[in-house]
Amino acid sequence: MSINFDNKDSRLDYLHEKMDDLLFGINEFYGKALYDELILRLKNTIVDFNEEVHGMTDQLKSSTDKRSQLIEKIKLFIDDGDEDQITNEEQETEPVSRKLTEWEKRLESLENNR
C-alpha cells in the first residue's frame, strides 16, 4: 500500500485502516466507542504537536533574525574603524567597588578560613 503523507485524506485513510486492523477482535459496541475515542485523541495530539512545532520554529526564526541583526551591527561598528575605541574603553573601565552585604561578608570569611 502506497501512502501519500503529504495528503491529509490519505493519512486519515491510512490511520482508519490501521485502527480497524487493531480493533478487529473487539466486539462491536466497545470497538466503535474505543475507535472514536482513539481517533479523537490522535487528532488532539497531532494538533498540539503542530502548534508546538510552529511555536518553536517561529521562536527559532525570531532568534535567528535578532542574531543576524546583531552580527550586522557588530560588523558595521568594527568596519567604521571604531576597533581602537573599543579597546580603549575596555581598558578604561575598572570594576566598581561596592559594599558587601552581610551574606557576602560571611561567605567571604568562610572562603578565607578554608
PDB file of N, CA and C in Angstrom:
ATOM      1  N   MET A   1       0.844  -1.181   0.000  1.00  0.00           N
ATOM      2  CA  MET A   1       0.000   0.000   0.000  1.00  0.00           C
ATOM      3  C   MET A   1       0.884   1.238   0.000  1.00  0.00           C
ATOM      4  N   SER A   2       0.685   2.097  -0.965  1.00  0.00           N
ATOM      5  CA  SER A   2       1.448   3.341  -1.015  1.00  0.00           C
ATOM      6  C   SER A   2       0.629   4.450  -0.358  1.00  0.00           C
ATOM      7  N   ILE A   3       1.321   5.230   0.472  1.00  0.00           N
ATOM      8  CA  ILE A   3       0.651   6.292   1.219  1.00  0.00           C
ATOM      9  C   ILE A   3       1.313   7.613   0.889  1.00  0.00           C
ATOM     10  N   ASN A   4       0.488   8.597   0.618  1.00  0.00           N
ATOM     11  CA  ASN A   4       0.987   9.938   0.389  1.00  0.00           C
ATOM     12  C   ASN A   4       0.778  10.729   1.679  1.00  0.00           C
ATOM     13  N   PHE A   5       1.845  10.874   2.475  1.00  0.00           N
ATOM     14  CA  PHE A   5       1.721  11.548   3.758  1.00  0.00           C
ATOM     15  C   PHE A   5       1.575  13.062   3.610  1.00  0.00           C
ATOM     16  N   ASP A   6       1.720  13.575   2.420  1.00  0.00           N
ATOM     17  CA  ASP A   6       1.506  14.999   2.187  1.00  0.00           C
ATOM     18  C   ASP A   6       0.025  15.327   2.053  1.00  0.00           C
ATOM     19  N   ASN A   7      -0.784  14.304   1.791  1.00  0.00           N
ATOM     20  CA  ASN A   7      -2.219  14.478   1.595  1.00  0.00           C
ATOM     21  C   ASN A   7      -2.956  14.092   2.882  1.00  0.00           C
ATOM     22  N   LYS A   8      -3.779  14.997   3.401  1.00  0.00           N
ATOM     23  CA  LYS A   8      -4.485  14.768   4.658  1.00  0.00           C
ATOM     24  C   LYS A   8      -5.434  13.577   4.562  1.00  0.00           C
ATOM     25  N   ASP A   9      -6.180  13.472   3.477  1.00  0.00           N
ATOM     26  CA  ASP A   9      -7.134  12.370   3.319  1.00  0.00           C
ATOM     27  C   ASP A   9      -6.412  11.026   3.270  1.00  0.00           C
ATOM     28  N   SER A  10      -5.279  10.987   2.614  1.00  0.00           N
ATOM     29  CA  SER A  10      -4.503   9.751   2.532  1.00  0.00           C
ATOM     30  C   SER A  10      -4.011   9.331   3.921  1.00  0.00           C
ATOM     31  N   ARG A  11      -3.581  10.291   4.706  1.00  0.00           N
ATOM     32  CA  ARG A  11      -3.125   9.984   6.074  1.00  0.00           C
ATOM     33  C   ARG A  11      -4.274   9.457   6.923  1.00  0.00           C
ATOM     34  N   LEU A  12      -5.445  10.118   6.822  1.00  0.00           N
ATOM     35  CA  LEU A  12      -6.605   9.682   7.605  1.00  0.00           C
ATOM     36  C   LEU A  12      -7.061   8.279   7.182  1.00  0.00           C
ATOM     37  N   ASP A  13      -7.077   8.006   5.889  1.00  0.00           N
ATOM     38  CA  ASP A  13      -7.446   6.669   5.409  1.00  0.00           C
ATOM     39  C   ASP A  13      -6.482   5.621   5.960  1.00  0.00           C
ATOM     40  N   TYR A  14      -5.215   5.948   5.963  1.00  0.00           N
ATOM     41  CA  TYR A  14      -4.198   5.028   6.492  1.00  0.00           C
ATOM     42  C   TYR A  14      -4.456   4.758   7.973  1.00  0.00           C
ATOM     43  N   LEU A  15      -4.714   5.826   8.747  1.00  0.00           N
ATOM     44  CA  LEU A  15      -4.981   5.647  10.178  1.00  0.00           C
ATOM     45  C   LEU A  15      -6.253   4.835  10.418  1.00  0.00           C
ATOM     46  N   HIS A  16      -7.299   5.119   9.657  1.00  0.00           N
ATOM     47  CA  HIS A  16      -8.548   4.365   9.811  1.00  0.00           C
ATOM     48  C   HIS A  16      -8.321   2.883   9.521  1.00  0.00           C
ATOM     49  N   GLU A  17      -7.584   2.582   8.476  1.00  0.00           N
ATOM     50  CA  GLU A  17      -7.310   1.192   8.110  1.00  0.00           C
ATOM     51  C   GLU A  17      -6.523   0.489   9.212  1.00  0.00           C
ATOM     52  N   LYS A  18      -5.509   1.156   9.741  1.00  0.00           N
ATOM     53  CA  LYS A  18      -4.692   0.552  10.799  1.00  0.00           C
ATOM     54  C   LYS A  18      -5.499   0.368  12.080  1.00  0.00           C
ATOM     55  N   MET A  19      -6.351   1.349  12.403  1.00  0.00           N
ATOM     56  CA  MET A  19      -7.178   1.227  13.596  1.00  0.00           C
ATOM     57  C   MET A  19      -8.180   0.086  13.440  1.00  0.00           C
ATOM     58  N   ASP A  20      -8.751  -0.080  12.256  1.00  0.00           N
ATOM     59  CA  ASP A  20      -9.666  -1.198  12.017  1.00  0.00           C
ATOM     60  C   ASP A  20      -8.953  -2.527  12.230  1.00  0.00           C
ATOM     61  N   ASP A  21      -7.730  -2.630  11.751  1.00  0.00           N
ATOM     62  CA  ASP A  21      -6.943  -3.854  11.934  1.00  0.00           C
ATOM     63  C   ASP A  21      -6.690  -4.125  13.416  1.00  0.00           C
ATOM     64  N   LEU A  22      -6.387  -3.087  14.169  1.00  0.00           N
ATOM     65  CA  LEU A  22      -6.092  -3.249  15.595  1.00  0.00           C
ATOM     66  C   LEU A  22      -7.338  -3.625  16.409  1.00  0.00           C
ATOM     67  N   LEU A  23      -8.498  -3.119  16.006  1.00  0.00           N
ATOM     68  CA  LEU A  23      -9.724  -3.331  16.770  1.00  0.00           C
ATOM     69  C   LEU A  23     -10.562  -4.500  16.250  1.00  0.00           C
ATOM     70  N   PHE A  24     -10.023  -5.297  15.380  1.00  0.00           N
ATOM     71  CA  PHE A  24     -10.779  -6.369  14.734  1.00  0.00           C
ATOM     72  C   PHE A  24     -11.358  -7.357  15.742  1.00  0.00           C
ATOM     73  N   GLY A  25     -10.646  -7.726  16.770  1.00  0.00           N
ATOM     74  CA  GLY A  25     -11.091  -8.754  17.703  1.00  0.00           C
ATOM     75  C   GLY A  25     -12.026  -8.265  18.786  1.00  0.00           C
ATOM     76  N   ILE A  26     -12.249  -6.980  18.903  1.00  0.00           N
ATOM     77  CA  ILE A  26     -13.083  -6.441  19.974  1.00  0.00           C
ATOM     78  C   ILE A  26     -14.527  -6.386  19.492  1.00  0.00           C
ATOM     79  N   ASN A  27     -15.473  -6.652  20.413  1.00  0.00           N
ATOM     80  CA  ASN A  27     -16.880  -6.686  19.979  1.00  0.00           C
ATOM     81  C   ASN A  27     -17.331  -5.332  19.432  1.00  0.00           C
ATOM     82  N   GLU A  28     -18.436  -5.300  18.751  1.00  0.00           N
ATOM     83  CA  GLU A  28     -18.895  -4.129  18.004  1.00  0.00           C
ATOM     84  C   GLU A  28     -19.161  -2.915  18.902  1.00  0.00           C
ATOM     85  N   PHE A  29     -19.752  -3.108  20.070  1.00  0.00           N
ATOM     86  CA  PHE A  29     -20.105  -1.973  20.924  1.00  0.00           C
ATOM     87  C   PHE A  29     -18.860  -1.261  21.441  1.00  0.00           C
ATOM     88  N   TYR A  30     -17.932  -1.999  22.034  1.00  0.00           N
ATOM     89  CA  TYR A  30     -16.733  -1.374  22.579  1.00  0.00           C
ATOM     90  C   TYR A  30     -15.772  -0.941  21.483  1.00  0.00           C
ATOM     91  N   GLY A  31     -15.780  -1.646  20.392  1.00  0.00           N
ATOM     92  CA  GLY A  31     -14.874  -1.322  19.289  1.00  0.00           C
ATOM     93  C   GLY A  31     -15.137   0.058  18.718  1.00  0.00           C
ATOM     94  N   LYS A  32     -16.376   0.393  18.478  1.00  0.00           N
ATOM     95  CA  LYS A  32     -16.723   1.696  17.892  1.00  0.00           C
ATOM     96  C   LYS A  32     -16.430   2.832  18.871  1.00  0.00           C
ATOM     97  N   ALA A  33     -16.784   2.662  20.131  1.00  0.00           N
ATOM     98  CA  ALA A  33     -16.533   3.704  21.126  1.00  0.00           C
ATOM     99  C   ALA A  33     -15.030   3.906  21.319  1.00  0.00           C
ATOM    100  N   LEU A  34     -14.307   2.795  21.405  1.00  0.00           N
ATOM    101  CA  LEU A  34     -12.856   2.873  21.566  1.00  0.00           C
ATOM    102  C   LEU A  34     -12.209   3.504  20.340  1.00  0.00           C
ATOM    103  N   TYR A  35     -12.678   3.113  19.174  1.00  0.00           N
ATOM    104  CA  TYR A  35     -12.150   3.658  17.923  1.00  0.00           C
ATOM    105  C   TYR A  35     -12.364   5.171  17.856  1.00  0.00           C
ATOM    106  N   ASP A  36     -13.565   5.621  18.162  1.00  0.00           N
ATOM    107  CA  ASP A  36     -13.869   7.062  18.115  1.00  0.00           C
ATOM    108  C   ASP A  36     -13.013   7.841  19.109  1.00  0.00           C
ATOM    109  N   GLU A  37     -12.849   7.293  20.312  1.00  0.00           N
ATOM    110  CA  GLU A  37     -12.036   7.959  21.331  1.00  0.00           C
ATOM    111  C   GLU A  37     -10.569   8.019  20.906  1.00  0.00           C
ATOM    112  N   LEU A  38     -10.057   6.951  20.347  1.00  0.00           N
ATOM    113  CA  LEU A  38      -8.664   6.943  19.895  1.00  0.00           C
ATOM    114  C   LEU A  38      -8.435   7.928  18.757  1.00  0.00           C
ATOM    115  N   ILE A  39      -9.364   7.991  17.822  1.00  0.00           N
ATOM    116  CA  ILE A  39      -9.244   8.938  16.715  1.00  0.00           C
ATOM    117  C   ILE A  39      -9.272  10.368  17.250  1.00  0.00           C
ATOM    118  N   LEU A  40     -10.167  10.645  18.196  1.00  0.00           N
ATOM    119  CA  LEU A  40     -10.255  11.982  18.789  1.00  0.00           C
ATOM    120  C   LEU A  40      -8.939  12.345  19.486  1.00  0.00           C
ATOM    121  N   ARG A  41      -8.394  11.411  20.251  1.00  0.00           N
ATOM    122  CA  ARG A  41      -7.133  11.676  20.947  1.00  0.00           C
ATOM    123  C   ARG A  41      -5.972  11.839  19.980  1.00  0.00           C
ATOM    124  N   LEU A  42      -5.955  11.045  18.926  1.00  0.00           N
ATOM    125  CA  LEU A  42      -4.896  11.192  17.917  1.00  0.00           C
ATOM    126  C   LEU A  42      -4.971  12.567  17.256  1.00  0.00           C
ATOM    127  N   LYS A  43      -6.174  13.003  16.923  1.00  0.00           N
ATOM    128  CA  LYS A  43      -6.325  14.324  16.309  1.00  0.00           C
ATOM    129  C   LYS A  43      -5.858  15.418  17.257  1.00  0.00           C
ATOM    130  N   ASN A  44      -6.245  15.326  18.528  1.00  0.00           N
ATOM    131  CA  ASN A  44      -5.818  16.331  19.514  1.00  0.00           C
ATOM    132  C   ASN A  44      -4.299  16.325  19.683  1.00  0.00           C
ATOM    133  N   THR A  45      -3.710  15.135  19.698  1.00  0.00           N
ATOM    134  CA  THR A  45      -2.256  15.033  19.829  1.00  0.00           C
ATOM    135  C   THR A  45      -1.559  15.674  18.635  1.00  0.00           C
ATOM    136  N   ILE A  46      -2.069  15.431  17.452  1.00  0.00           N
ATOM    137  CA  ILE A  46      -1.467  15.995  16.246  1.00  0.00           C
ATOM    138  C   ILE A  46      -1.602  17.512  16.226  1.00  0.00           C
ATOM    139  N   VAL A  47      -2.765  18.014  16.627  1.00  0.00           N
ATOM    140  CA  VAL A  47      -2.979  19.474  16.670  1.00  0.00           C
ATOM    141  C   VAL A  47      -2.014  20.102  17.673  1.00  0.00           C
ATOM    142  N   ASP A  48      -1.908  19.507  18.880  1.00  0.00           N
ATOM    143  CA  ASP A  48      -0.981  20.032  19.892  1.00  0.00           C
ATOM    144  C   ASP A  48       0.457  20.010  19.387  1.00  0.00           C
ATOM    145  N   PHE A  49       0.833  18.911  18.761  1.00  0.00           N
ATOM    146  CA  PHE A  49       2.192  18.789  18.227  1.00  0.00           C
ATOM    147  C   PHE A  49       2.468  19.865  17.182  1.00  0.00           C
ATOM    148  N   ASN A  50       1.526  20.046  16.267  1.00  0.00           N
ATOM    149  CA  ASN A  50       1.705  21.054  15.219  1.00  0.00           C
ATOM    150  C   ASN A  50       1.825  22.457  15.802  1.00  0.00           C
ATOM    151  N   GLU A  51       1.010  22.761  16.819  1.00  0.00           N
ATOM    152  CA  GLU A  51       1.086  24.083  17.452  1.00  0.00           C
ATOM    153  C   GLU A  51       2.450  24.288  18.115  1.00  0.00           C
ATOM    154  N   GLU A  52       2.947  23.256  18.801  1.00  0.00           N
ATOM    155  CA  GLU A  52       4.246  23.374  19.461  1.00  0.00           C
ATOM    156  C   GLU A  52       5.372  23.544  18.438  1.00  0.00           C
ATOM    157  N   VAL A  53       5.310  22.790  17.349  1.00  0.00           N
ATOM    158  CA  VAL A  53       6.340  22.888  16.314  1.00  0.00           C
ATOM    159  C   VAL A  53       6.309  24.277  15.671  1.00  0.00           C
ATOM    160  N   HIS A  54       5.116  24.789  15.385  1.00  0.00           N
ATOM    161  CA  HIS A  54       5.018  26.131  14.799  1.00  0.00           C
ATOM    162  C   HIS A  54       5.563  27.178  15.761  1.00  0.00           C
ATOM    163  N   GLY A  55       5.251  27.027  17.045  1.00  0.00           N
ATOM    164  CA  GLY A  55       5.761  27.962  18.042  1.00  0.00           C
ATOM    165  C   GLY A  55       7.281  27.926  18.127  1.00  0.00           C
ATOM    166  N   MET A  56       7.847  26.721  18.114  1.00  0.00           N
ATOM    167  CA  MET A  56       9.304  26.596  18.180  1.00  0.00           C
ATOM    168  C   MET A  56       9.978  27.155  16.938  1.00  0.00           C
ATOM    169  N   THR A  57       9.408  26.889  15.772  1.00  0.00           N
ATOM    170  CA  THR A  57      10.020  27.408  14.551  1.00  0.00           C
ATOM    171  C   THR A  57       9.912  28.926  14.478  1.00  0.00           C
ATOM    172  N   ASP A  58       8.792  29.476  14.940  1.00  0.00           N
ATOM    173  CA  ASP A  58       8.659  30.938  14.973  1.00  0.00           C
ATOM    174  C   ASP A  58       9.681  31.551  15.923  1.00  0.00           C
ATOM    175  N   GLN A  59       9.853  30.923  17.080  1.00  0.00           N
ATOM    176  CA  GLN A  59      10.827  31.411  18.056  1.00  0.00           C
ATOM    177  C   GLN A  59      12.249  31.294  17.503  1.00  0.00           C
ATOM    178  N   LEU A  60      12.546  30.192  16.839  1.00  0.00           N
ATOM    179  CA  LEU A  60      13.863  29.998  16.237  1.00  0.00           C
ATOM    180  C   LEU A  60      14.123  31.032  15.147  1.00  0.00           C
ATOM    181  N   LYS A  61      13.118  31.296  14.328  1.00  0.00           N
ATOM    182  CA  LYS A  61      13.263  32.297  13.272  1.00  0.00           C
ATOM    183  C   LYS A  61      13.499  33.678  13.871  1.00  0.00           C
ATOM    184  N   SER A  62      12.747  34.009  14.914  1.00  0.00           N
ATOM    185  CA  SER A  62      12.913  35.297  15.580  1.00  0.00           C
ATOM    186  C   SER A  62      14.317  35.431  16.169  1.00  0.00           C
ATOM    187  N   SER A  63      14.788  34.386  16.835  1.00  0.00           N
ATOM    188  CA  SER A  63      16.133  34.415  17.420  1.00  0.00           C
ATOM    189  C   SER A  63      17.204  34.550  16.343  1.00  0.00           C
ATOM    190  N   THR A  64      17.022  33.852  15.240  1.00  0.00           N
ATOM    191  CA  THR A  64      17.987  33.922  14.143  1.00  0.00           C
ATOM    192  C   THR A  64      18.015  35.317  13.538  1.00  0.00           C
ATOM    193  N   ASP A  65      16.842  35.919  13.377  1.00  0.00           N
ATOM    194  CA  ASP A  65      16.786  37.280  12.840  1.00  0.00           C
ATOM    195  C   ASP A  65      17.483  38.270  13.770  1.00  0.00           C
ATOM    196  N   LYS A  66      17.233  38.154  15.074  1.00  0.00           N
ATOM    197  CA  LYS A  66      17.886  39.041  16.033  1.00  0.00           C
ATOM    198  C   LYS A  66      19.398  38.856  16.015  1.00  0.00           C
ATOM    199  N   ARG A  67      19.833  37.598  15.950  1.00  0.00           N
ATOM    200  CA  ARG A  67      21.263  37.300  15.920  1.00  0.00           C
ATOM    201  C   ARG A  67      21.903  37.893  14.663  1.00  0.00           C
ATOM    202  N   SER A  68      21.220  37.765  13.536  1.00  0.00           N
ATOM    203  CA  SER A  68      21.740  38.320  12.279  1.00  0.00           C
ATOM    204  C   SER A  68      21.858  39.835  12.357  1.00  0.00           C
ATOM    205  N   GLN A  69      20.866  40.475  12.954  1.00  0.00           N
ATOM    206  CA  GLN A  69      20.911  41.933  13.095  1.00  0.00           C
ATOM    207  C   GLN A  69      22.065  42.359  13.988  1.00  0.00           C
ATOM    208  N   LEU A  70      22.277  41.637  15.080  1.00  0.00           N
ATOM    209  CA  LEU A  70      23.386  41.967  15.976  1.00  0.00           C
ATOM    210  C   LEU A  70      24.737  41.777  15.287  1.00  0.00           C
ATOM    211  N   ILE A  71      24.861  40.725  14.527  1.00  0.00           N
ATOM    212  CA  ILE A  71      26.113  40.480  13.801  1.00  0.00           C
ATOM    213  C   ILE A  71      26.376  41.592  12.805  1.00  0.00           C
ATOM    214  N   GLU A  72      25.328  42.025  12.104  1.00  0.00           N
ATOM    215  CA  GLU A  72      25.490  43.125  11.147  1.00  0.00           C
ATOM    216  C   GLU A  72      25.898  44.413  11.854  1.00  0.00           C
ATOM    217  N   LYS A  73      25.293  44.689  13.014  1.00  0.00           N
ATOM    218  CA  LYS A  73      25.666  45.882  13.764  1.00  0.00           C
ATOM    219  C   LYS A  73      27.128  45.821  14.203  1.00  0.00           C
ATOM    220  N   ILE A  74      27.538  44.650  14.655  1.00  0.00           N
ATOM    221  CA  ILE A  74      28.932  44.489  15.090  1.00  0.00           C
ATOM    222  C   ILE A  74      29.877  44.687  13.915  1.00  0.00           C
ATOM    223  N   LYS A  75      29.523  44.110  12.769  1.00  0.00           N
ATOM    224  CA  LYS A  75      30.364  44.259  11.579  1.00  0.00           C
ATOM    225  C   LYS A  75      30.472  45.730  11.175  1.00  0.00           C
ATOM    226  N   LEU A  76      29.357  46.440  11.179  1.00  0.00           N
ATOM    227  CA  LEU A  76      29.368  47.854  10.823  1.00  0.00           C
ATOM    228  C   LEU A  76      30.187  48.652  11.821  1.00  0.00           C
ATOM    229  N   PHE A  77      30.062  48.336  13.084  1.00  0.00           N
ATOM    230  CA  PHE A  77      30.792  49.038  14.128  1.00  0.00           C
ATOM    231  C   PHE A  77      32.299  48.837  13.963  1.00  0.00           C
ATOM    232  N   ILE A  78      32.707  47.619  13.671  1.00  0.00           N
ATOM    233  CA  ILE A  78      34.132  47.311  13.501  1.00  0.00           C
ATOM    234  C   ILE A  78      34.653  47.910  12.196  1.00  0.00           C
ATOM    235  N   ASP A  79      33.853  47.845  11.154  1.00  0.00           N
ATOM    236  CA  ASP A  79      34.276  48.374   9.854  1.00  0.00           C
ATOM    237  C   ASP A  79      34.455  49.891   9.875  1.00  0.00           C
ATOM    238  N   ASP A  80      33.786  50.571  10.777  1.00  0.00           N
ATOM    239  CA  ASP A  80      33.887  52.023  10.846  1.00  0.00           C
ATOM    240  C   ASP A  80      35.188  52.494  11.493  1.00  0.00           C
ATOM    241  N   GLY A  81      36.041  51.584  11.874  1.00  0.00           N
ATOM    242  CA  GLY A  81      37.318  51.965  12.465  1.00  0.00           C
ATOM    243  C   GLY A  81      37.211  52.246  13.952  1.00  0.00           C
ATOM    244  N   ASP A  82      36.163  51.806  14.564  1.00  0.00           N
ATOM    245  CA  ASP A  82      35.980  52.028  15.991  1.00  0.00           C
ATOM    246  C   ASP A  82      36.621  50.928  16.815  1.00  0.00           C
ATOM    247  N   GLU A  83      37.394  50.098  16.184  1.00  0.00           N
ATOM    248  CA  GLU A  83      38.035  48.987  16.886  1.00  0.00           C
ATOM    249  C   GLU A  83      38.963  49.494  17.985  1.00  0.00           C
ATOM    250  N   ASP A  84      39.726  50.560  17.692  1.00  0.00           N
ATOM    251  CA  ASP A  84      40.622  51.120  18.701  1.00  0.00           C
ATOM    252  C   ASP A  84      39.830  51.713  19.854  1.00  0.00           C
ATOM    253  N   GLN A  85      38.700  52.303  19.554  1.00  0.00           N
ATOM    254  CA  GLN A  85      37.876  52.907  20.592  1.00  0.00           C
ATOM    255  C   GLN A  85      37.356  51.833  21.546  1.00  0.00           C
ATOM    256  N   ILE A  86      37.025  50.679  21.014  1.00  0.00           N
ATOM    257  CA  ILE A  86      36.521  49.592  21.852  1.00  0.00           C
ATOM    258  C   ILE A  86      37.590  49.162  22.846  1.00  0.00           C
ATOM    259  N   THR A  87      38.819  48.963  22.379  1.00  0.00           N
ATOM    260  CA  THR A  87      39.872  48.507  23.281  1.00  0.00           C
ATOM    261  C   THR A  87      40.197  49.566  24.318  1.00  0.00           C
ATOM    262  N   ASN A  88      40.180  50.850  23.948  1.00  0.00           N
ATOM    263  CA  ASN A  88      40.438  51.924  24.907  1.00  0.00           C
ATOM    264  C   ASN A  88      39.356  51.972  25.983  1.00  0.00           C
ATOM    265  N   GLU A  89      38.112  51.820  25.566  1.00  0.00           N
ATOM    266  CA  GLU A  89      37.021  51.846  26.533  1.00  0.00           C
ATOM    267  C   GLU A  89      37.124  50.668  27.482  1.00  0.00           C
ATOM    268  N   GLU A  90      37.505  49.509  26.967  1.00  0.00           N
ATOM    269  CA  GLU A  90      37.636  48.334  27.814  1.00  0.00           C
ATOM    270  C   GLU A  90      38.751  48.524  28.831  1.00  0.00           C
ATOM    271  N   GLN A  91      39.826  49.172  28.440  1.00  0.00           N
ATOM    272  CA  GLN A  91      40.940  49.384  29.353  1.00  0.00           C
ATOM    273  C   GLN A  91      40.604  50.430  30.405  1.00  0.00           C
ATOM    274  N   GLU A  92      39.804  51.413  30.056  1.00  0.00           N
ATOM    275  CA  GLU A  92      39.485  52.498  30.977  1.00  0.00           C
ATOM    276  C   GLU A  92      38.491  52.073  32.049  1.00  0.00           C
ATOM    277  N   THR A  93      37.627  51.135  31.726  1.00  0.00           N
ATOM    278  CA  THR A  93      36.626  50.745  32.708  1.00  0.00           C
ATOM    279  C   THR A  93      37.234  49.800  33.722  1.00  0.00           C
ATOM    280  N   GLU A  94      37.069  50.141  34.974  1.00  0.00           N
ATOM    281  CA  GLU A  94      37.549  49.314  36.069  1.00  0.00           C
ATOM    282  C   GLU A  94      36.345  48.832  36.844  1.00  0.00           C
ATOM    283  N   PRO A  95      36.481  47.704  37.481  1.00  0.00           N
ATOM    284  CA  PRO A  95      35.336  47.218  38.248  1.00  0.00           C
ATOM    285  C   PRO A  95      34.983  48.195  39.363  1.00  0.00           C
ATOM    286  N   VAL A  96      33.714  48.442  39.505  1.00  0.00           N
ATOM    287  CA  VAL A  96      33.228  49.386  40.503  1.00  0.00           C
ATOM    288  C   VAL A  96      33.161  48.666  41.849  1.00  0.00           C
ATOM    289  N   SER A  97      33.779  49.262  42.867  1.00  0.00           N
ATOM    290  CA  SER A  97      33.718  48.648  44.187  1.00  0.00           C
ATOM    291  C   SER A  97      32.394  49.006  44.837  1.00  0.00           C
ATOM    292  N   ARG A  98      31.859  48.079  45.574  1.00  0.00           N
ATOM    293  CA  ARG A  98      30.587  48.312  46.246  1.00  0.00           C
ATOM    294  C   ARG A  98      30.655  47.667  47.612  1.00  0.00           C
ATOM    295  N   LYS A  99      29.725  48.040  48.437  1.00  0.00           N
ATOM    296  CA  LYS A  99      29.669  47.477  49.769  1.00  0.00           C
ATOM    297  C   LYS A  99      29.173  46.038  49.693  1.00  0.00           C
ATOM    298  N   LEU A 100      29.767  45.200  50.512  1.00  0.00           N
ATOM    299  CA  LEU A 100      29.332  43.815  50.566  1.00  0.00           C
ATOM    300  C   LEU A 100      28.170  43.683  51.539  1.00  0.00           C
ATOM    301  N   THR A 101      27.233  42.821  51.175  1.00  0.00           N
ATOM    302  CA  THR A 101      26.122  42.562  52.083  1.00  0.00           C
ATOM    303  C   THR A 101      26.608  41.633  53.181  1.00  0.00           C
ATOM    304  N   GLU A 102      25.784  41.439  54.200  1.00  0.00           N
ATOM    305  CA  GLU A 102      26.152  40.569  55.321  1.00  0.00           C
ATOM    306  C   GLU A 102      26.421  39.151  54.838  1.00  0.00           C
ATOM    307  N   TRP A 103      25.588  38.654  53.944  1.00  0.00           N
ATOM    308  CA  TRP A 103      25.776  37.300  53.422  1.00  0.00           C
ATOM    309  C   TRP A 103      27.080  37.197  52.648  1.00  0.00           C
ATOM    310  N   GLU A 104      27.383  38.193  51.847  1.00  0.00           N
ATOM    311  CA  GLU A 104      28.623  38.170  51.082  1.00  0.00           C
ATOM    312  C   GLU A 104      29.830  38.207  52.007  1.00  0.00           C
ATOM    313  N   LYS A 105      29.726  38.977  53.079  1.00  0.00           N
ATOM    314  CA  LYS A 105      30.820  39.027  54.051  1.00  0.00           C
ATOM    315  C   LYS A 105      31.014  37.677  54.719  1.00  0.00           C
ATOM    316  N   ARG A 106      29.916  37.025  55.087  1.00  0.00           N
ATOM    317  CA  ARG A 106      30.001  35.704  55.715  1.00  0.00           C
ATOM    318  C   ARG A 106      30.611  34.682  54.759  1.00  0.00           C
ATOM    319  N   LEU A 107      30.163  34.704  53.512  1.00  0.00           N
ATOM    320  CA  LEU A 107      30.713  33.775  52.521  1.00  0.00           C
ATOM    321  C   LEU A 107      32.195  34.018  52.300  1.00  0.00           C
ATOM    322  N   GLU A 108      32.580  35.278  52.243  1.00  0.00           N
ATOM    323  CA  GLU A 108      33.985  35.610  52.044  1.00  0.00           C
ATOM    324  C   GLU A 108      34.818  35.133  53.227  1.00  0.00           C
ATOM    325  N   SER A 109      34.302  35.310  54.425  1.00  0.00           N
ATOM    326  CA  SER A 109      35.056  34.864  55.596  1.00  0.00           C
ATOM    327  C   SER A 109      35.148  33.343  55.633  1.00  0.00           C
ATOM    328  N   LEU A 110      34.106  32.649  55.209  1.00  0.00           N
ATOM    329  CA  LEU A 110      34.155  31.175  55.136  1.00  0.00           C
ATOM    330  C   LEU A 110      35.191  30.722  54.108  1.00  0.00           C
ATOM    331  N   GLU A 111      35.255  31.388  52.968  1.00  0.00           N
ATOM    332  CA  GLU A 111      36.229  31.023  51.942  1.00  0.00           C
ATOM    333  C   GLU A 111      37.653  31.302  52.411  1.00  0.00           C
ATOM    334  N   ASN A 112      37.853  32.374  53.156  1.00  0.00           N
ATOM    335  CA  ASN A 112      39.179  32.706  53.667  1.00  0.00           C
ATOM    336  C   ASN A 112      39.639  31.735  54.742  1.00  0.00           C
ATOM    337  N   ASN A 113      38.701  31.149  55.497  1.00  0.00           N
ATOM    338  CA  ASN A 113      39.038  30.222  56.574  1.00  0.00           C
ATOM    339  C   ASN A 113      39.389  28.825  56.069  1.00  0.00           C
ATOM    340  N   ARG A 114      39.170  28.545  54.843  1.00  0.00           N
ATOM    341  CA  ARG A 114      39.470  27.214  54.290  1.00  0.00           C
ATOM    342  C   ARG A 114      40.925  26.965  54.179  1.00  0.00           C
TER     343      ARG A 114
END
